[in-house]
C-alpha atoms as a PDB file:
ATOM      1  CA  MET A   1      -3.811  39.878 -57.178  1.00  0.00           C
ATOM      2  CA  GLY A   2      -4.165  38.921 -53.638  1.00  0.00           C
ATOM      3  CA  SER A   3      -1.606  36.400 -52.242  1.00  0.00           C
ATOM      4  CA  TRP A   4      -2.051  33.540 -49.834  1.00  0.00           C
ATOM      5  CA  SER A   5       0.365  32.373 -46.932  1.00  0.00           C
ATOM      6  CA  SER A   6       0.268  29.441 -44.634  1.00  0.00           C
ATOM      7  CA  GLY A   7       1.694  28.882 -41.263  1.00  0.00           C
ATOM      8  CA  TYR A   8       4.550  27.056 -42.464  1.00  0.00           C
ATOM      9  CA  ASP A   9       6.896  26.939 -45.535  1.00  0.00           C
ATOM     10  CA  THR A  10       5.268  27.051 -48.693  1.00  0.00           C
ATOM     11  CA  ALA A  11       6.411  27.165 -52.431  1.00  0.00           C
ATOM     12  CA  SER A  12       4.480  29.884 -54.554  1.00  0.00           C
ATOM     13  CA  THR A  13       4.536  29.646 -58.375  1.00  0.00           C
ATOM     14  CA  TYR A  14       2.795  31.878 -60.976  1.00  0.00           C
ATOM     15  CA  SER A  15       2.057  30.846 -64.429  1.00  0.00           C
ATOM     16  CA  ALA A  16       1.842  33.819 -66.996  1.00  0.00           C
ATOM     17  CA  ARG A  17      -0.090  31.445 -69.612  1.00  0.00           C
ATOM     18  CA  SER A  18      -2.716  30.189 -67.088  1.00  0.00           C
ATOM     19  CA  GLY A  19      -2.843  33.079 -64.775  1.00  0.00           C
ATOM     20  CA  LYS A  20      -2.701  30.686 -61.814  1.00  0.00           C
ATOM     21  CA  ASN A  21      -1.066  31.389 -58.482  1.00  0.00           C
ATOM     22  CA  ASP A  22      -0.174  28.225 -56.469  1.00  0.00           C
ATOM     23  CA  ALA A  23       0.798  28.041 -52.754  1.00  0.00           C
ATOM     24  CA  ARG A  24       1.729  24.543 -51.860  1.00  0.00           C
ATOM     25  CA  CYS A  25       3.061  22.794 -48.913  1.00  0.00           C
ATOM     26  CA  PHE A  26       6.550  21.410 -49.527  1.00  0.00           C
ATOM     27  CA  ARG A  27       5.734  18.169 -47.697  1.00  0.00           C
ATOM     28  CA  CYS A  28       2.476  17.197 -49.111  1.00  0.00           C
ATOM     29  CA  GLY A  29       1.823  19.647 -52.000  1.00  0.00           C
ATOM     30  CA  SER A  30      -1.570  20.703 -50.374  1.00  0.00           C
ATOM     31  CA  GLY A  31      -2.633  24.355 -50.842  1.00  0.00           C
ATOM     32  CA  PRO A  32      -5.528  26.314 -52.482  1.00  0.00           C
ATOM     33  CA  ARG A  33      -5.180  27.219 -55.885  1.00  0.00           C
ATOM     34  CA  PHE A  34      -6.460  30.704 -57.019  1.00  0.00           C
ATOM     35  CA  GLU A  35      -7.611  31.050 -60.593  1.00  0.00           C
ATOM     36  CA  SER A  36      -8.063  34.682 -61.739  1.00  0.00           C
ATOM     37  CA  GLY A  37      -8.614  35.889 -57.963  1.00  0.00           C
ATOM     38  CA  ARG A  38     -11.291  33.413 -57.436  1.00  0.00           C
ATOM     39  CA  ALA A  39     -11.687  30.064 -55.839  1.00  0.00           C
ATOM     40  CA  HIS A  40     -14.400  27.572 -55.663  1.00  0.00           C
ATOM     41  CA  SER A  41     -15.618  27.401 -52.148  1.00  0.00           C
ATOM     42  CA  GLY A  42     -15.815  23.649 -51.975  1.00  0.00           C
ATOM     43  CA  LEU A  43     -12.536  23.016 -53.398  1.00  0.00           C
ATOM     44  CA  PHE A  44     -11.050  25.717 -51.004  1.00  0.00           C
ATOM     45  CA  ARG A  45     -12.342  24.044 -48.068  1.00  0.00           C
ATOM     46  CA  GLN A  46     -11.189  20.675 -49.209  1.00  0.00           C
ATOM     47  CA  LYS A  47      -7.640  21.933 -49.725  1.00  0.00           C
ATOM     48  CA  MET A  48      -7.502  23.745 -46.379  1.00  0.00           C
ATOM     49  CA  ALA A  49      -8.824  20.572 -44.647  1.00  0.00           C
ATOM     50  CA  LYS A  50      -5.755  18.566 -46.413  1.00  0.00           C
ATOM     51  CA  GLU A  51      -3.293  21.320 -45.339  1.00  0.00           C
ATOM     52  CA  GLU A  52      -4.604  21.048 -41.836  1.00  0.00           C
ATOM     53  CA  ARG A  53      -4.167  17.304 -41.554  1.00  0.00           C
ATOM     54  CA  CYS A  54      -0.516  17.792 -42.981  1.00  0.00           C
ATOM     55  CA  VAL A  55       0.241  20.420 -40.240  1.00  0.00           C
ATOM     56  CA  MET A  56      -1.251  18.243 -37.651  1.00  0.00           C
ATOM     57  CA  ARG A  57       0.948  15.308 -38.879  1.00  0.00           C
ATOM     58  CA  MET A  58       4.020  17.505 -38.665  1.00  0.00           C
ATOM     59  CA  VAL A  59       2.976  18.615 -35.111  1.00  0.00           C
ATOM     60  CA  GLN A  60       2.127  15.280 -33.669  1.00  0.00           C
ATOM     61  CA  GLU A  61       5.089  13.368 -34.955  1.00  0.00           C
ATOM     62  CA  PRO A  62       6.246  11.128 -31.960  1.00  0.00           C
ATOM     63  CA  GLN A  63       9.603  11.182 -30.609  1.00  0.00           C
ATOM     64  CA  PHE A  64       9.703   7.354 -29.954  1.00  0.00           C
ATOM     65  CA  VAL A  65       7.839   4.458 -31.334  1.00  0.00           C
ATOM     66  CA  LEU A  66       8.850   1.288 -29.293  1.00  0.00           C
ATOM     67  CA  ARG A  67       7.433  -2.344 -28.781  1.00  0.00           C
ATOM     68  CA  GLN A  68       8.068  -4.768 -26.112  1.00  0.00           C
ATOM     69  CA  HIS A  69      11.430  -6.515 -26.906  1.00  0.00           C
ATOM     70  CA  THR A  70      10.153 -10.251 -27.986  1.00  0.00           C
ATOM     71  CA  PRO A  71      13.029 -12.294 -27.093  1.00  0.00           C
ATOM     72  CA  ARG A  72      13.187 -10.379 -23.524  1.00  0.00           C
ATOM     73  CA  VAL A  73       9.655 -11.440 -23.034  1.00  0.00           C
ATOM     74  CA  LEU A  74       9.648 -14.970 -24.447  1.00  0.00           C
ATOM     75  CA  PHE A  75      12.957 -16.318 -22.915  1.00  0.00           C
ATOM     76  CA  PRO A  76      11.892 -15.992 -19.322  1.00  0.00           C
ATOM     77  CA  LYS A  77       8.558 -17.193 -20.031  1.00  0.00           C
ATOM     78  CA  ALA A  78       9.990 -20.428 -21.856  1.00  0.00           C
ATOM     79  CA  ILE A  79      12.085 -21.055 -18.920  1.00  0.00           C
ATOM     80  CA  LEU A  80       9.044 -21.091 -16.494  1.00  0.00           C
ATOM     81  CA  LEU A  81       7.134 -23.155 -18.543  1.00  0.00           C
ATOM     82  CA  VAL A  82       9.737 -25.869 -19.073  1.00  0.00           C
ATOM     83  CA  PHE A  83      10.234 -25.844 -15.425  1.00  0.00           C
ATOM     84  CA  LEU A  84       6.629 -26.144 -14.826  1.00  0.00           C
ATOM     85  CA  CYS A  85       6.271 -29.082 -17.162  1.00  0.00           C
ATOM     86  CA  CYS A  86       9.301 -30.868 -15.499  1.00  0.00           C
ATOM     87  CA  VAL A  87       7.529 -30.428 -12.285  1.00  0.00           C
ATOM     88  CA  LEU A  88       4.310 -31.946 -13.550  1.00  0.00           C
ATOM     89  CA  ILE A  89       6.334 -34.849 -15.199  1.00  0.00           C
ATOM     90  CA  PHE A  90       7.954 -35.475 -11.842  1.00  0.00           C
ATOM     91  CA  LEU A  91       4.707 -35.414  -9.840  1.00  0.00           C
ATOM     92  CA  VAL A  92       3.123 -37.895 -12.274  1.00  0.00           C
ATOM     93  CA  TRP A  93       6.044 -40.260 -11.990  1.00  0.00           C
ATOM     94  CA  LEU A  94       5.987 -40.088  -8.284  1.00  0.00           C
ATOM     95  CA  ASN A  95       2.210 -40.819  -8.048  1.00  0.00           C
ATOM     96  CA  ALA A  96       2.708 -43.996 -10.256  1.00  0.00           C
ATOM     97  CA  VAL A  97       5.763 -45.147  -7.929  1.00  0.00           C
ATOM     98  CA  ILE A  98       3.456 -44.546  -4.751  1.00  0.00           C
ATOM     99  CA  LEU A  99       0.546 -46.229  -6.290  1.00  0.00           C
ATOM    100  CA  ASN A 100       2.676 -49.064  -7.767  1.00  0.00           C
ATOM    101  CA  LEU A 101       1.545 -48.181 -11.410  1.00  0.00           C
ATOM    102  CA  SER A 102       3.554 -49.062 -14.462  1.00  0.00           C
ATOM    103  CA  LEU A 103       3.628 -46.288 -17.249  1.00  0.00           C
ATOM    104  CA  SER A 104       4.388 -47.326 -20.631  1.00  0.00           C
ATOM    105  CA  PRO A 105       7.126 -45.419 -22.760  1.00  0.00           C
ATOM    106  CA  GLU A 106       4.340 -44.514 -25.254  1.00  0.00           C
ATOM    107  CA  PHE A 107       2.410 -42.850 -22.490  1.00  0.00           C
ATOM    108  CA  ALA A 108       5.503 -40.929 -21.292  1.00  0.00           C
ATOM    109  CA  VAL A 109       6.241 -39.790 -24.799  1.00  0.00           C
ATOM    110  CA  ALA A 110       2.701 -38.681 -25.351  1.00  0.00           C
ATOM    111  CA  ILE A 111       2.685 -36.639 -22.290  1.00  0.00           C
ATOM    112  CA  ILE A 112       5.868 -35.044 -23.115  1.00  0.00           C
ATOM    113  CA  LEU A 113       4.821 -34.011 -26.765  1.00  0.00           C
ATOM    114  CA  LEU A 114       1.679 -32.649 -25.471  1.00  0.00           C
ATOM    115  CA  LEU A 115       3.410 -30.434 -22.898  1.00  0.00           C
ATOM    116  CA  LEU A 116       5.869 -29.179 -25.671  1.00  0.00           C
ATOM    117  CA  PHE A 117       3.077 -28.412 -27.863  1.00  0.00           C
ATOM    118  CA  LEU A 118       1.244 -26.638 -25.272  1.00  0.00           C
ATOM    119  CA  ILE A 119       4.586 -24.413 -24.470  1.00  0.00           C
ATOM    120  CA  ALA A 120       4.965 -23.656 -28.204  1.00  0.00           C
ATOM    121  CA  LEU A 121       1.346 -22.631 -28.491  1.00  0.00           C
ATOM    122  CA  GLU A 122       1.557 -20.330 -25.613  1.00  0.00           C
ATOM    123  CA  LEU A 123       4.835 -18.797 -26.913  1.00  0.00           C
ATOM    124  CA  TYR A 124       3.129 -18.189 -30.278  1.00  0.00           C
ATOM    125  CA  TYR A 125       0.279 -16.629 -28.746  1.00  0.00           C
ATOM    126  CA  THR A 126       2.409 -14.254 -26.691  1.00  0.00           C
ATOM    127  CA  ASN A 127       4.491 -13.357 -29.783  1.00  0.00           C
ATOM    128  CA  VAL A 128       1.278 -12.447 -31.801  1.00  0.00           C
ATOM    129  CA  ARG A 129      -0.151 -10.303 -28.760  1.00  0.00           C
ATOM    130  CA  LEU A 130       3.065  -8.491 -28.373  1.00  0.00           C
ATOM    131  CA  SER A 131       3.504  -7.598 -32.191  1.00  0.00           C
ATOM    132  CA  GLY A 132       0.106  -5.528 -31.993  1.00  0.00           C
ATOM    133  CA  ARG A 133       1.213  -3.348 -29.189  1.00  0.00           C
ATOM    134  CA  GLU A 134       3.166  -0.238 -29.410  1.00  0.00           C
ATOM    135  CA  TYR A 135       3.914   2.756 -27.327  1.00  0.00           C
ATOM    136  CA  LEU A 136       4.316   6.320 -28.691  1.00  0.00           C
ATOM    137  CA  PHE A 137       6.179   8.816 -27.017  1.00  0.00           C
ATOM    138  CA  PHE A 138       5.113  12.640 -27.929  1.00  0.00           C
ATOM    139  CA  ASP A 139       6.427  15.748 -26.628  1.00  0.00           C
ATOM    140  CA  ASP A 140       3.127  16.089 -24.572  1.00  0.00           C
ATOM    141  CA  ARG A 141       1.754  12.845 -23.916  1.00  0.00           C
ATOM    142  CA  ILE A 142       2.078   8.980 -24.223  1.00  0.00           C
ATOM    143  CA  LEU A 143       0.076   6.728 -26.357  1.00  0.00           C
ATOM    144  CA  HIS A 144      -0.420   3.121 -25.951  1.00  0.00           C
ATOM    145  CA  ARG A 145      -1.987   1.497 -28.946  1.00  0.00           C
ATOM    146  CA  ASP A 146      -3.176  -2.141 -29.484  1.00  0.00           C
ATOM    147  CA  ARG A 147      -3.703  -2.963 -33.133  1.00  0.00           C
ATOM    148  CA  HIS A 148      -5.370  -6.259 -32.540  1.00  0.00           C
ATOM    149  CA  LEU A 149      -7.903  -5.262 -30.105  1.00  0.00           C
ATOM    150  CA  LYS A 150      -8.230  -1.814 -31.966  1.00  0.00           C
ATOM    151  CA  LYS A 151      -7.973   0.022 -28.590  1.00  0.00           C
ATOM    152  CA  GLN A 152      -5.680   2.960 -27.664  1.00  0.00           C
ATOM    153  CA  ARG A 153      -5.354   4.952 -24.451  1.00  0.00           C
ATOM    154  CA  TYR A 154      -3.088   7.853 -23.821  1.00  0.00           C
ATOM    155  CA  MET A 155      -1.707   9.995 -20.811  1.00  0.00           C
ATOM    156  CA  HIS A 156      -0.755  13.772 -20.808  1.00  0.00           C
ATOM    157  CA  TYR A 157       2.574  14.529 -19.089  1.00  0.00           C
ATOM    158  CA  SER A 158       1.014  16.970 -16.886  1.00  0.00           C
ATOM    159  CA  SER A 159      -1.130  14.106 -15.339  1.00  0.00           C
ATOM    160  CA  VAL A 160       1.879  11.964 -14.357  1.00  0.00           C
ATOM    161  CA  LEU A 161       2.359  11.568 -10.595  1.00  0.00           C
ATOM    162  CA  ARG A 162       5.580   9.556 -10.279  1.00  0.00           C
ATOM    163  CA  ILE A 163       7.882   7.968 -12.814  1.00  0.00           C
ATOM    164  CA  SER A 164      10.602   5.312 -12.091  1.00  0.00           C
ATOM    165  CA  TYR A 165      13.052   3.249 -14.110  1.00  0.00           C
ATOM    166  CA  SER A 166      14.230  -0.286 -13.317  1.00  0.00           C
ATOM    167  CA  ARG A 167      16.284  -2.963 -14.977  1.00  0.00           C
ATOM    168  CA  SER A 168      16.316  -6.723 -13.912  1.00  0.00           C
ATOM    169  CA  VAL A 169      18.864  -9.493 -14.465  1.00  0.00           C
ATOM    170  CA  PHE A 170      17.119 -10.281 -17.951  1.00  0.00           C
ATOM    171  CA  ASP A 171      16.914  -6.650 -18.731  1.00  0.00           C
ATOM    172  CA  ARG A 172      20.659  -6.240 -18.551  1.00  0.00           C
ATOM    173  CA  LEU A 173      20.996  -9.317 -20.587  1.00  0.00           C
ATOM    174  CA  PHE A 174      18.949  -8.167 -23.336  1.00  0.00           C
ATOM    175  CA  ASN A 175      19.647  -4.375 -22.924  1.00  0.00           C
ATOM    176  CA  THR A 176      16.270  -3.405 -22.099  1.00  0.00           C
ATOM    177  CA  GLY A 177      14.548  -1.660 -19.261  1.00  0.00           C
ATOM    178  CA  THR A 178      11.158  -0.987 -17.661  1.00  0.00           C
ATOM    179  CA  ILE A 179       9.635   2.734 -17.202  1.00  0.00           C
ATOM    180  CA  ALA A 180       6.602   2.994 -14.578  1.00  0.00           C
ATOM    181  CA  ILE A 181       4.699   6.155 -15.310  1.00  0.00           C
ATOM    182  CA  GLU A 182       2.096   6.281 -12.540  1.00  0.00           C
ATOM    183  CA  PRO A 183      -0.907   6.192 -12.329  1.00  0.00           C
ATOM    184  CA  ALA A 184      -1.636   4.629 -15.817  1.00  0.00           C
ATOM    185  CA  PHE A 185       1.498   3.081 -17.804  1.00  0.00           C
ATOM    186  CA  ARG A 186       3.974   0.554 -17.091  1.00  0.00           C
ATOM    187  CA  VAL A 187       6.153   0.460 -20.206  1.00  0.00           C
ATOM    188  CA  SER A 188       8.072  -2.753 -19.731  1.00  0.00           C
ATOM    189  CA  HIS A 189      10.975  -4.614 -21.525  1.00  0.00           C
ATOM    190  CA  ILE A 190      11.820  -1.944 -24.174  1.00  0.00           C
ATOM    191  CA  ARG A 191      14.848  -0.967 -26.209  1.00  0.00           C
ATOM    192  CA  LYS A 192      16.232   2.516 -25.746  1.00  0.00           C
ATOM    193  CA  SER A 193      14.814   2.628 -22.180  1.00  0.00           C
ATOM    194  CA  GLY A 194      17.407   4.983 -21.120  1.00  0.00           C
ATOM    195  CA  PRO A 195      16.793   7.745 -23.511  1.00  0.00           C
ATOM    196  CA  VAL A 196      13.035   7.347 -23.407  1.00  0.00           C
ATOM    197  CA  TYR A 197      13.070   7.545 -19.455  1.00  0.00           C
ATOM    198  CA  ARG A 198      15.291  10.763 -19.821  1.00  0.00           C
ATOM    199  CA  HIS A 199      12.693  12.044 -22.426  1.00  0.00           C
ATOM    200  CA  VAL A 200       9.651  11.322 -20.282  1.00  0.00           C
ATOM    201  CA  GLU A 201      11.324  12.887 -17.268  1.00  0.00           C
ATOM    202  CA  ARG A 202      12.314  16.095 -18.923  1.00  0.00           C
ATOM    203  CA  SER A 203       8.849  16.584 -20.340  1.00  0.00           C
ATOM    204  CA  VAL A 204       6.993  15.948 -17.028  1.00  0.00           C
ATOM    205  CA  HIS A 205       9.183  18.325 -15.264  1.00  0.00           C
ATOM    206  CA  HIS A 206       8.670  20.948 -18.133  1.00  0.00           C
ATOM    207  CA  PHE A 207       4.818  20.658 -17.676  1.00  0.00           C
ATOM    208  CA  ARG A 208       5.109  20.904 -13.972  1.00  0.00           C
ATOM    209  CA  ASN A 209       7.077  23.837 -14.170  1.00  0.00           C
ATOM    210  CA  LEU A 210       4.706  25.197 -16.795  1.00  0.00           C
ATOM    211  CA  GLY A 211       1.670  24.602 -14.447  1.00  0.00           C
ATOM    212  CA  LYS A 212       3.395  26.373 -11.501  1.00  0.00           C
ATOM    213  CA  THR A 213       4.126  29.499 -13.808  1.00  0.00           C
ATOM    214  CA  PHE A 214       0.319  29.868 -14.592  1.00  0.00           C
ATOM    215  CA  LYS A 215      -0.706  29.549 -10.975  1.00  0.00           C
END
């Protein structure tokens, strides 16, 4: 009886009662089943396609899957919005003094509550928008995926022109960093920024040296 083997580890079993020889992937259990040396062509193609998808999942496993650190993004934005609201309230009060207008306490409270509601709404919208974005770092490319907009874009490391790494005061406070990958990506305010930067830099140098080898 002929034997079947795949490009990765398989487990082969033979049953004397049924006369069946199985070769299956350890991870997903996929693999063609031969019965008396014959296999239905449609079933064979389906199992081969399932095995190929399994192999592709193993090959394309990302090294890092990261999202922007939400507190790092929301904290400076909240400070800026509160500052702008204070400036707006001061300007309204200054106009009332110049024009000799009297503002009732109810009006002032309504303005403050409205501004607080707008701040909370903006922070909530930002949080929802950030929750759908993620960056996937593979061995050969970077993938940016937006689950809400159902869009994604990627860049191969061989296309990278320049990479840089920076950390602001808030980044040091929240233990985050920003990686600029020209010309397509700016991955800002992420955790594990140091290891990710070293991974990208090492991969870019690898593909550059690989390109020089084949020239």
